[in-house]
Amino acid sequence: HKRWTEEEEDVLVEEHKKFGSYQRGMWKVIAKKFPGRTVESVRDHWHQAGKYKPKSKLVAYQKSLGQGSGSRWTDEEEETMVLAHKLAAVGGRRVVWADITKWFPRRKQKQITQRWKRALVSDPKSPLQIYRAELARKEGGDSGAASSDGTHVEESLCS
């Protein structure tokens, strides 16, 4: 894999700005600006830049948008996850995380399921933590939804 240069990241930021927010097919259009790179490598670099270049202009731009792998979860995003989970579980249906992921075009399914699992140990006053505690009380812990370590959550809900 060829390393990303600062100049390439500048172009990535400028191309992303043209779209403003996620739009279907945007990565294909953006990738055309990077000969020798695939659509997947461009999109993956966008989502993983926080791991490899946490102090880069790209990550700073992502954080200004509230996006990217390094961005914090907002209360609004957690409230959206609560709503998405409630709708996915209507009528006792099994929650399919791929469906919930559709509510978060800027986050990967792994980020979403990790946030779900970590909500119990992170911020006890977050909307997601409050909802998870309500689920535990209603279900008596049978569904695994309130498992403190998240193992049952992943097994029963992350499909």
Protein backbone atom coordinates (compact mmCIF):
# COMPACT_ATOMS: atom_id res chain seq x y z
CA HIS A 1 0.00 0.00 0.00
CA LYS A 2 1.29 3.39 -0.96
CA ARG A 3 1.38 5.91 1.90
CA TRP A 4 -0.95 8.88 1.70
CA THR A 5 0.81 12.21 1.27
CA GLU A 6 -0.26 15.44 2.90
CA GLU A 7 -1.07 16.79 -0.57
CA GLU A 8 -3.35 13.82 -1.29
CA GLU A 9 -5.14 14.33 2.00
CA ASP A 10 -5.64 18.01 1.14
CA VAL A 11 -7.25 16.94 -2.15
CA LEU A 12 -9.39 14.40 -0.28
CA VAL A 13 -10.66 17.12 2.05
CA GLU A 14 -11.41 19.49 -0.84
CA GLU A 15 -13.23 16.79 -2.80
CA HIS A 16 -15.25 15.81 0.27
CA LYS A 17 -16.23 19.45 0.81
CA LYS A 18 -17.84 19.46 -2.65
CA PHE A 19 -20.33 16.86 -1.46
CA GLY A 20 -20.97 18.42 1.93
CA SER A 21 -22.38 15.22 3.36
CA TYR A 22 -22.51 11.59 2.39
CA GLN A 23 -24.10 10.92 -0.98
CA ARG A 24 -24.43 7.63 -2.76
CA GLY A 25 -21.57 7.19 -5.23
CA MET A 26 -19.45 9.99 -3.81
CA TRP A 27 -16.44 7.78 -3.10
CA LYS A 28 -16.38 6.62 -6.72
CA VAL A 29 -16.27 10.25 -7.87
CA ILE A 30 -13.66 11.25 -5.28
CA ALA A 31 -11.46 8.24 -6.08
CA LYS A 32 -11.10 9.44 -9.68
CA LYS A 33 -8.88 12.21 -8.29
CA PHE A 34 -6.41 9.57 -7.05
CA PRO A 35 -4.95 7.56 -9.95
CA GLY A 36 -3.59 4.25 -8.72
CA ARG A 37 -5.94 4.12 -5.73
CA THR A 38 -9.16 2.16 -5.59
CA VAL A 39 -12.52 3.45 -4.40
CA GLU A 40 -12.16 1.18 -1.38
CA SER A 41 -8.70 2.46 -0.47
CA VAL A 42 -9.87 6.09 -0.66
CA ARG A 43 -12.97 5.43 1.44
CA ASP A 44 -11.00 3.31 3.93
CA HIS A 45 -8.37 6.02 4.32
CA TRP A 46 -11.13 8.53 5.05
CA HIS A 47 -12.57 6.29 7.77
CA GLN A 48 -9.27 5.13 9.26
CA ALA A 49 -7.14 8.28 9.12
CA GLY A 50 -7.66 8.89 12.84
CA LYS A 51 -5.76 5.67 13.64
CA TYR A 52 -2.72 6.46 11.53
CA LYS A 53 -2.54 10.24 11.36
CA PRO A 54 -4.44 11.60 14.37
CA LYS A 55 -2.91 15.07 14.04
CA SER A 56 -3.43 15.45 10.29
CA LYS A 57 -5.49 18.14 8.59
CA LEU A 58 -7.81 15.39 7.35
CA VAL A 59 -8.65 14.26 10.88
CA ALA A 60 -9.04 17.86 12.01
CA TYR A 61 -11.51 18.39 9.16
CA GLN A 62 -13.41 15.21 10.04
CA LYS A 63 -13.67 16.27 13.67
CA SER A 64 -15.00 19.66 12.60
CA LEU A 65 -17.77 17.76 10.84
CA GLY A 66 -18.27 15.32 13.70
CA GLN A 67 -17.18 12.49 11.43
CA GLY A 68 -14.48 9.92 11.04
CA SER A 69 -13.07 7.18 13.16
CA GLY A 70 -11.78 9.59 15.78
CA SER A 71 -14.97 11.56 16.28
CA ARG A 72 -16.90 11.43 19.52
CA TRP A 73 -20.46 10.20 19.66
CA THR A 74 -22.93 13.02 20.13
CA ASP A 75 -26.09 12.83 22.23
CA GLU A 76 -28.04 13.26 18.99
CA GLU A 77 -26.33 10.21 17.46
CA GLU A 78 -27.04 8.19 20.58
CA GLU A 79 -30.69 9.28 20.53
CA THR A 80 -30.81 8.20 16.88
CA MET A 81 -29.36 4.82 17.84
CA VAL A 82 -32.00 4.43 20.54
CA LEU A 83 -34.76 5.23 18.03
CA ALA A 84 -33.27 2.93 15.39
CA HIS A 85 -32.97 0.11 17.94
CA LYS A 86 -36.56 0.59 19.11
CA LEU A 87 -37.85 0.49 15.53
CA ALA A 88 -35.71 -2.53 14.68
CA ALA A 89 -37.06 -4.41 17.72
CA VAL A 90 -40.76 -3.65 17.11
CA GLY A 91 -42.91 -6.71 17.71
CA GLY A 92 -40.06 -8.58 19.34
CA ARG A 93 -38.08 -8.86 16.12
CA ARG A 94 -34.41 -9.66 16.34
CA VAL A 95 -32.28 -6.54 15.93
CA VAL A 96 -30.15 -6.61 12.80
CA TRP A 97 -27.25 -4.19 13.13
CA ALA A 98 -26.92 -3.81 9.37
CA ASP A 99 -30.34 -2.12 9.47
CA ILE A 100 -29.31 0.21 12.28
CA THR A 101 -26.11 1.06 10.41
CA LYS A 102 -28.20 2.58 7.62
CA TRP A 103 -29.13 5.37 10.04
CA PHE A 104 -25.43 6.33 10.30
CA PRO A 105 -23.96 6.88 6.83
CA ARG A 106 -20.73 8.27 8.31
CA ARG A 107 -20.06 5.39 10.68
CA LYS A 108 -19.19 1.78 10.09
CA GLN A 109 -21.20 -1.07 11.60
CA LYS A 110 -18.27 -1.99 13.82
CA GLN A 111 -18.19 1.54 15.29
CA ILE A 112 -21.91 1.36 15.99
CA THR A 113 -21.87 -2.03 17.66
CA GLN A 114 -18.80 -1.05 19.69
CA ARG A 115 -20.55 2.10 20.89
CA TRP A 116 -23.58 0.00 21.85
CA LYS A 117 -21.41 -2.37 23.88
CA ARG A 118 -19.31 0.34 25.50
CA ALA A 119 -22.23 2.56 26.50
CA LEU A 120 -22.59 0.69 29.77
CA VAL A 121 -19.08 1.50 30.90
CA SER A 122 -18.56 4.92 29.37
CA ASP A 123 -20.99 7.72 30.20
CA PRO A 124 -23.72 6.62 32.61
CA LYS A 125 -25.87 9.63 31.70
CA SER A 126 -25.73 9.22 27.92
CA PRO A 127 -29.03 8.61 26.10
CA LEU A 128 -27.76 5.21 24.99
CA GLN A 129 -26.79 4.14 28.51
CA ILE A 130 -30.17 5.23 29.89
CA TYR A 131 -31.97 3.25 27.17
CA ARG A 132 -29.79 0.17 27.76
CA ALA A 133 -30.59 0.33 31.48
CA GLU A 134 -34.33 0.56 30.66
CA LEU A 135 -34.01 -2.53 28.43
CA ALA A 136 -32.32 -4.42 31.23
CA ARG A 137 -35.10 -3.57 33.68
CA LYS A 138 -37.88 -4.47 31.24
CA GLU A 139 -36.34 -7.71 30.10
CA GLY A 140 -34.82 -8.79 33.38
CA GLY A 141 -31.52 -9.26 31.60
CA ASP A 142 -32.82 -12.30 29.68
CA SER A 143 -32.03 -10.94 26.23
CA GLY A 144 -28.45 -10.10 27.09
CA ALA A 145 -29.09 -6.52 26.02
CA ALA A 146 -27.75 -5.20 29.30
CA SER A 147 -24.81 -7.52 29.69
CA SER A 148 -22.17 -5.48 31.46
CA ASP A 149 -19.35 -6.83 29.32
CA GLY A 150 -21.30 -6.70 26.06
CA THR A 151 -20.73 -10.36 25.15
CA HIS A 152 -24.39 -11.29 25.03
CA VAL A 153 -25.15 -8.09 23.18
CA GLU A 154 -22.78 -9.03 20.43
CA GLU A 155 -24.03 -12.60 20.25
CA SER A 156 -27.74 -11.82 20.31
CA LEU A 157 -27.96 -8.42 18.65
CA CYS A 158 -25.01 -8.03 16.32
CA SER A 159 -26.02 -10.12 13.37
